[in-house]
Amino acid sequence: MIVKRPSIFVYTNRHDDIMLKEICAGIEEEGVFFEVFKKDFQDLATLSFDAANESMMGSGIGISRGSVALAMKGVQKGKFVECYDKPTPEECRKIGANSARIIKKMPLK
């Protein structure tokens, strides 16, 4: 039997390696599991919305063409908790940490 552990999903298309590394580091620092998936579609709203809705934890991050967005299950597509165009490494780490903090019901950074 295959059991998937609850994880934050990160859906990406054309990501920057440093951006992805910092996002994952932010999630990891909060002690939450994550999984990264490469997707064919390029729309940031679709990437983050699908990541949130397909994650057992209800938190998803989309990365596309230098932009990153954090979405939550149950929130309308295109409405982000947090979104950055051309984020700095600090903003990437923060969005990763905030995706985990929402799940843990902690204040955002």
N, C-alpha and C. Protein backbone atom coordinates (compact mmCIF):
# COMPACT_ATOMS: atom_id res chain seq x y z
N MET A 1 0.85 -1.18 0.00
CA MET A 1 0.00 0.00 0.00
C MET A 1 0.90 1.25 0.00
N ILE A 2 0.58 2.20 -0.86
CA ILE A 2 1.32 3.46 -0.94
C ILE A 2 0.54 4.52 -0.18
N VAL A 3 1.21 5.12 0.78
CA VAL A 3 0.59 6.19 1.57
C VAL A 3 1.37 7.47 1.31
N LYS A 4 0.66 8.49 0.85
CA LYS A 4 1.31 9.78 0.62
C LYS A 4 1.21 10.61 1.89
N ARG A 5 2.32 11.23 2.26
CA ARG A 5 2.29 12.07 3.45
C ARG A 5 1.73 13.44 3.09
N PRO A 6 1.03 14.06 4.01
CA PRO A 6 0.50 15.41 3.75
C PRO A 6 1.64 16.38 3.46
N SER A 7 1.54 17.07 2.36
CA SER A 7 2.60 17.97 1.91
C SER A 7 2.03 19.21 1.25
N ILE A 8 2.82 20.27 1.28
CA ILE A 8 2.53 21.45 0.48
C ILE A 8 3.00 21.13 -0.93
N PHE A 9 2.18 21.41 -1.91
CA PHE A 9 2.56 21.15 -3.30
C PHE A 9 3.10 22.44 -3.92
N VAL A 10 4.20 22.29 -4.64
CA VAL A 10 4.80 23.39 -5.39
C VAL A 10 4.75 22.98 -6.86
N TYR A 11 3.95 23.68 -7.65
CA TYR A 11 3.83 23.41 -9.09
C TYR A 11 4.63 24.46 -9.83
N THR A 12 5.47 24.00 -10.74
CA THR A 12 6.37 24.92 -11.42
C THR A 12 6.43 24.69 -12.92
N ASN A 13 6.68 25.77 -13.61
CA ASN A 13 6.93 25.74 -15.04
C ASN A 13 7.92 26.87 -15.31
N ARG A 14 9.08 26.52 -15.82
CA ARG A 14 10.12 27.52 -16.10
C ARG A 14 10.52 28.30 -14.85
N HIS A 15 10.99 27.61 -13.85
CA HIS A 15 11.39 28.28 -12.61
C HIS A 15 12.88 28.59 -12.61
N ASP A 16 13.23 29.48 -11.75
CA ASP A 16 14.62 29.82 -11.46
C ASP A 16 15.05 28.90 -10.32
N ASP A 17 16.20 28.24 -10.43
CA ASP A 17 16.64 27.29 -9.41
C ASP A 17 16.82 27.94 -8.04
N ILE A 18 17.32 29.16 -8.00
CA ILE A 18 17.51 29.85 -6.72
C ILE A 18 16.16 30.14 -6.08
N MET A 19 15.19 30.56 -6.89
CA MET A 19 13.85 30.84 -6.41
C MET A 19 13.24 29.59 -5.77
N LEU A 20 13.32 28.47 -6.48
CA LEU A 20 12.75 27.22 -5.98
C LEU A 20 13.47 26.77 -4.71
N LYS A 21 14.78 26.89 -4.68
CA LYS A 21 15.56 26.50 -3.50
C LYS A 21 15.14 27.29 -2.27
N GLU A 22 14.97 28.59 -2.42
CA GLU A 22 14.59 29.44 -1.29
C GLU A 22 13.16 29.16 -0.81
N ILE A 23 12.24 28.92 -1.74
CA ILE A 23 10.86 28.59 -1.36
C ILE A 23 10.85 27.30 -0.54
N CYS A 24 11.55 26.29 -1.03
CA CYS A 24 11.61 25.00 -0.33
C CYS A 24 12.28 25.14 1.03
N ALA A 25 13.31 25.98 1.12
CA ALA A 25 14.00 26.22 2.39
C ALA A 25 13.05 26.86 3.40
N GLY A 26 12.23 27.79 2.94
CA GLY A 26 11.26 28.43 3.83
C GLY A 26 10.25 27.45 4.39
N ILE A 27 9.78 26.54 3.55
CA ILE A 27 8.83 25.51 4.01
C ILE A 27 9.52 24.57 4.99
N GLU A 28 10.72 24.15 4.63
CA GLU A 28 11.48 23.21 5.45
C GLU A 28 11.79 23.79 6.83
N GLU A 29 12.11 25.07 6.89
CA GLU A 29 12.41 25.72 8.17
C GLU A 29 11.24 25.65 9.14
N GLU A 30 10.04 25.59 8.58
CA GLU A 30 8.83 25.51 9.42
C GLU A 30 8.48 24.06 9.77
N GLY A 31 9.25 23.10 9.27
CA GLY A 31 9.04 21.70 9.63
C GLY A 31 7.88 21.03 8.92
N VAL A 32 7.57 21.49 7.72
CA VAL A 32 6.45 20.92 6.96
C VAL A 32 7.01 20.26 5.71
N PHE A 33 6.40 19.16 5.29
CA PHE A 33 6.82 18.46 4.08
C PHE A 33 6.32 19.20 2.84
N PHE A 34 7.05 19.03 1.74
CA PHE A 34 6.63 19.61 0.47
C PHE A 34 7.01 18.66 -0.66
N GLU A 35 6.33 18.83 -1.79
CA GLU A 35 6.65 18.09 -3.00
C GLU A 35 6.64 19.07 -4.16
N VAL A 36 7.60 18.91 -5.06
CA VAL A 36 7.71 19.79 -6.23
C VAL A 36 7.33 18.99 -7.47
N PHE A 37 6.47 19.59 -8.30
CA PHE A 37 6.02 18.95 -9.54
C PHE A 37 6.20 19.92 -10.70
N LYS A 38 6.74 19.44 -11.81
CA LYS A 38 6.84 20.24 -13.02
C LYS A 38 5.56 20.04 -13.81
N LYS A 39 4.92 21.12 -14.19
CA LYS A 39 3.66 21.08 -14.94
C LYS A 39 3.83 21.75 -16.30
N ASP A 40 3.01 21.35 -17.24
CA ASP A 40 3.10 21.88 -18.60
C ASP A 40 2.43 23.24 -18.76
N PHE A 41 1.36 23.49 -18.04
CA PHE A 41 0.67 24.77 -18.22
C PHE A 41 1.46 25.89 -17.57
N GLN A 42 1.26 27.11 -18.07
CA GLN A 42 2.11 28.24 -17.68
C GLN A 42 1.42 29.31 -16.86
N ASP A 43 0.13 29.22 -16.72
CA ASP A 43 -0.64 30.25 -16.03
C ASP A 43 -0.41 30.16 -14.52
N LEU A 44 0.09 31.23 -13.92
CA LEU A 44 0.41 31.25 -12.50
C LEU A 44 -0.83 30.97 -11.64
N ALA A 45 -1.96 31.52 -12.01
CA ALA A 45 -3.19 31.30 -11.25
C ALA A 45 -3.59 29.83 -11.25
N THR A 46 -3.46 29.17 -12.39
CA THR A 46 -3.80 27.75 -12.48
C THR A 46 -2.82 26.90 -11.70
N LEU A 47 -1.52 27.21 -11.82
CA LEU A 47 -0.51 26.45 -11.09
C LEU A 47 -0.76 26.49 -9.58
N SER A 48 -0.93 27.68 -9.03
CA SER A 48 -1.10 27.80 -7.58
C SER A 48 -2.45 27.25 -7.12
N PHE A 49 -3.51 27.49 -7.89
CA PHE A 49 -4.85 27.01 -7.54
C PHE A 49 -4.87 25.48 -7.52
N ASP A 50 -4.33 24.86 -8.57
CA ASP A 50 -4.31 23.40 -8.63
C ASP A 50 -3.42 22.80 -7.54
N ALA A 51 -2.29 23.43 -7.27
CA ALA A 51 -1.40 22.94 -6.21
C ALA A 51 -2.12 22.95 -4.87
N ALA A 52 -2.84 24.02 -4.57
CA ALA A 52 -3.56 24.12 -3.29
C ALA A 52 -4.69 23.10 -3.21
N ASN A 53 -5.42 22.94 -4.29
CA ASN A 53 -6.57 22.05 -4.26
C ASN A 53 -6.21 20.57 -4.34
N GLU A 54 -5.04 20.26 -4.83
CA GLU A 54 -4.61 18.87 -4.92
C GLU A 54 -3.77 18.43 -3.72
N SER A 55 -3.32 19.38 -2.92
CA SER A 55 -2.56 19.08 -1.71
C SER A 55 -3.52 18.70 -0.58
N MET A 56 -3.18 17.66 0.18
CA MET A 56 -4.00 17.28 1.34
C MET A 56 -4.05 18.40 2.37
N MET A 57 -3.01 19.22 2.41
CA MET A 57 -2.92 20.29 3.40
C MET A 57 -3.65 21.55 2.95
N GLY A 58 -4.00 21.63 1.68
CA GLY A 58 -4.74 22.78 1.18
C GLY A 58 -3.91 24.01 0.92
N SER A 59 -2.59 23.85 0.85
CA SER A 59 -1.70 24.97 0.58
C SER A 59 -0.87 24.65 -0.65
N GLY A 60 -0.81 25.58 -1.59
CA GLY A 60 -0.05 25.33 -2.81
C GLY A 60 0.66 26.58 -3.30
N ILE A 61 1.80 26.35 -3.92
CA ILE A 61 2.59 27.45 -4.49
C ILE A 61 2.78 27.18 -5.97
N GLY A 62 2.58 28.22 -6.77
CA GLY A 62 2.82 28.15 -8.20
C GLY A 62 4.00 29.04 -8.56
N ILE A 63 4.86 28.53 -9.46
CA ILE A 63 6.01 29.31 -9.94
C ILE A 63 5.99 29.28 -11.46
N SER A 64 6.01 30.45 -12.08
CA SER A 64 6.03 30.51 -13.54
C SER A 64 6.65 31.81 -14.01
N ARG A 65 7.62 31.69 -14.91
CA ARG A 65 8.22 32.85 -15.58
C ARG A 65 8.63 33.98 -14.63
N GLY A 66 9.31 33.63 -13.56
CA GLY A 66 9.82 34.65 -12.65
C GLY A 66 8.82 35.18 -11.65
N SER A 67 7.64 34.58 -11.57
CA SER A 67 6.63 34.99 -10.60
C SER A 67 6.29 33.81 -9.70
N VAL A 68 5.84 34.12 -8.49
CA VAL A 68 5.46 33.08 -7.53
C VAL A 68 4.19 33.52 -6.81
N ALA A 69 3.30 32.54 -6.53
CA ALA A 69 2.05 32.85 -5.84
C ALA A 69 1.71 31.73 -4.87
N LEU A 70 1.16 32.12 -3.73
CA LEU A 70 0.69 31.20 -2.70
C LEU A 70 -0.83 31.21 -2.71
N ALA A 71 -1.43 30.03 -2.83
CA ALA A 71 -2.89 29.92 -2.83
C ALA A 71 -3.32 28.91 -1.78
N MET A 72 -4.57 29.02 -1.35
CA MET A 72 -5.15 28.10 -0.37
C MET A 72 -6.41 27.47 -0.95
N LYS A 73 -6.65 26.22 -0.56
CA LYS A 73 -7.87 25.51 -0.98
C LYS A 73 -9.08 26.29 -0.49
N GLY A 74 -10.09 26.38 -1.33
CA GLY A 74 -11.31 27.07 -0.96
C GLY A 74 -11.32 28.55 -1.31
N VAL A 75 -10.19 29.06 -1.77
CA VAL A 75 -10.11 30.46 -2.17
C VAL A 75 -10.24 30.52 -3.69
N GLN A 76 -10.97 31.49 -4.18
CA GLN A 76 -11.23 31.64 -5.61
C GLN A 76 -9.95 31.67 -6.42
N LYS A 77 -9.98 31.03 -7.59
CA LYS A 77 -8.82 31.01 -8.49
C LYS A 77 -8.43 32.44 -8.86
N GLY A 78 -7.15 32.73 -8.76
CA GLY A 78 -6.65 34.06 -9.07
C GLY A 78 -6.56 34.98 -7.86
N LYS A 79 -7.12 34.55 -6.73
CA LYS A 79 -7.01 35.30 -5.47
C LYS A 79 -5.90 34.64 -4.66
N PHE A 80 -4.79 35.34 -4.49
CA PHE A 80 -3.63 34.77 -3.83
C PHE A 80 -3.50 35.27 -2.40
N VAL A 81 -2.94 34.45 -1.54
CA VAL A 81 -2.59 34.87 -0.19
C VAL A 81 -1.40 35.82 -0.28
N GLU A 82 -0.47 35.46 -1.18
CA GLU A 82 0.74 36.23 -1.38
C GLU A 82 1.20 36.00 -2.83
N CYS A 83 1.71 37.04 -3.46
CA CYS A 83 2.16 36.92 -4.85
C CYS A 83 3.28 37.92 -5.11
N TYR A 84 4.32 37.46 -5.82
CA TYR A 84 5.44 38.34 -6.16
C TYR A 84 5.82 38.14 -7.63
N ASP A 85 6.13 39.25 -8.29
CA ASP A 85 6.69 39.22 -9.63
C ASP A 85 8.17 39.56 -9.49
N LYS A 86 9.03 38.70 -9.96
CA LYS A 86 10.49 38.84 -9.82
C LYS A 86 10.89 38.97 -8.35
N PRO A 87 10.55 37.98 -7.51
CA PRO A 87 10.84 38.08 -6.07
C PRO A 87 12.33 37.98 -5.75
N THR A 88 12.70 38.60 -4.65
CA THR A 88 14.06 38.46 -4.12
C THR A 88 14.16 37.10 -3.43
N PRO A 89 15.37 36.63 -3.17
CA PRO A 89 15.51 35.37 -2.42
C PRO A 89 14.80 35.42 -1.05
N GLU A 90 14.82 36.57 -0.40
CA GLU A 90 14.15 36.72 0.90
C GLU A 90 12.64 36.57 0.76
N GLU A 91 12.07 37.15 -0.30
CA GLU A 91 10.62 37.01 -0.53
C GLU A 91 10.26 35.57 -0.85
N CYS A 92 11.12 34.88 -1.58
CA CYS A 92 10.86 33.47 -1.88
C CYS A 92 10.85 32.63 -0.61
N ARG A 93 11.82 32.86 0.26
CA ARG A 93 11.88 32.12 1.52
C ARG A 93 10.66 32.44 2.37
N LYS A 94 10.23 33.70 2.36
CA LYS A 94 9.07 34.12 3.14
C LYS A 94 7.78 33.48 2.65
N ILE A 95 7.60 33.40 1.34
CA ILE A 95 6.37 32.79 0.81
C ILE A 95 6.33 31.30 1.14
N GLY A 96 7.49 30.65 1.13
CA GLY A 96 7.55 29.24 1.52
C GLY A 96 7.19 29.07 2.99
N ALA A 97 7.77 29.90 3.84
CA ALA A 97 7.49 29.84 5.28
C ALA A 97 6.02 30.14 5.56
N ASN A 98 5.46 31.13 4.88
CA ASN A 98 4.07 31.50 5.10
C ASN A 98 3.10 30.40 4.67
N SER A 99 3.45 29.66 3.63
CA SER A 99 2.59 28.56 3.21
C SER A 99 2.50 27.51 4.32
N ALA A 100 3.61 27.29 5.02
CA ALA A 100 3.61 26.35 6.14
C ALA A 100 2.94 26.94 7.37
N ARG A 101 3.15 28.23 7.62
CA ARG A 101 2.58 28.87 8.80
C ARG A 101 1.06 28.91 8.75
N ILE A 102 0.50 29.05 7.57
CA ILE A 102 -0.97 29.03 7.43
C ILE A 102 -1.51 27.69 7.89
N ILE A 103 -0.86 26.62 7.49
CA ILE A 103 -1.28 25.27 7.87
C ILE A 103 -1.17 25.07 9.38
N LYS A 104 -0.10 25.62 9.94
CA LYS A 104 0.14 25.47 11.38
C LYS A 104 -0.65 26.48 12.22
N LYS A 105 -1.43 27.33 11.53
CA LYS A 105 -2.23 28.37 12.18
C LYS A 105 -1.36 29.31 13.02
N MET A 106 -0.30 29.77 12.39
CA MET A 106 0.63 30.71 13.02
C MET A 106 0.58 32.04 12.26
N PRO A 107 0.99 33.13 12.90
CA PRO A 107 1.03 34.42 12.19
C PRO A 107 2.00 34.36 11.01
N LEU A 108 1.68 35.09 9.96
CA LEU A 108 2.53 35.13 8.78
C LEU A 108 3.74 36.02 9.04
N LYS A 109 4.81 35.76 8.30
CA LYS A 109 6.02 36.58 8.42
C LYS A 109 5.84 37.89 7.69
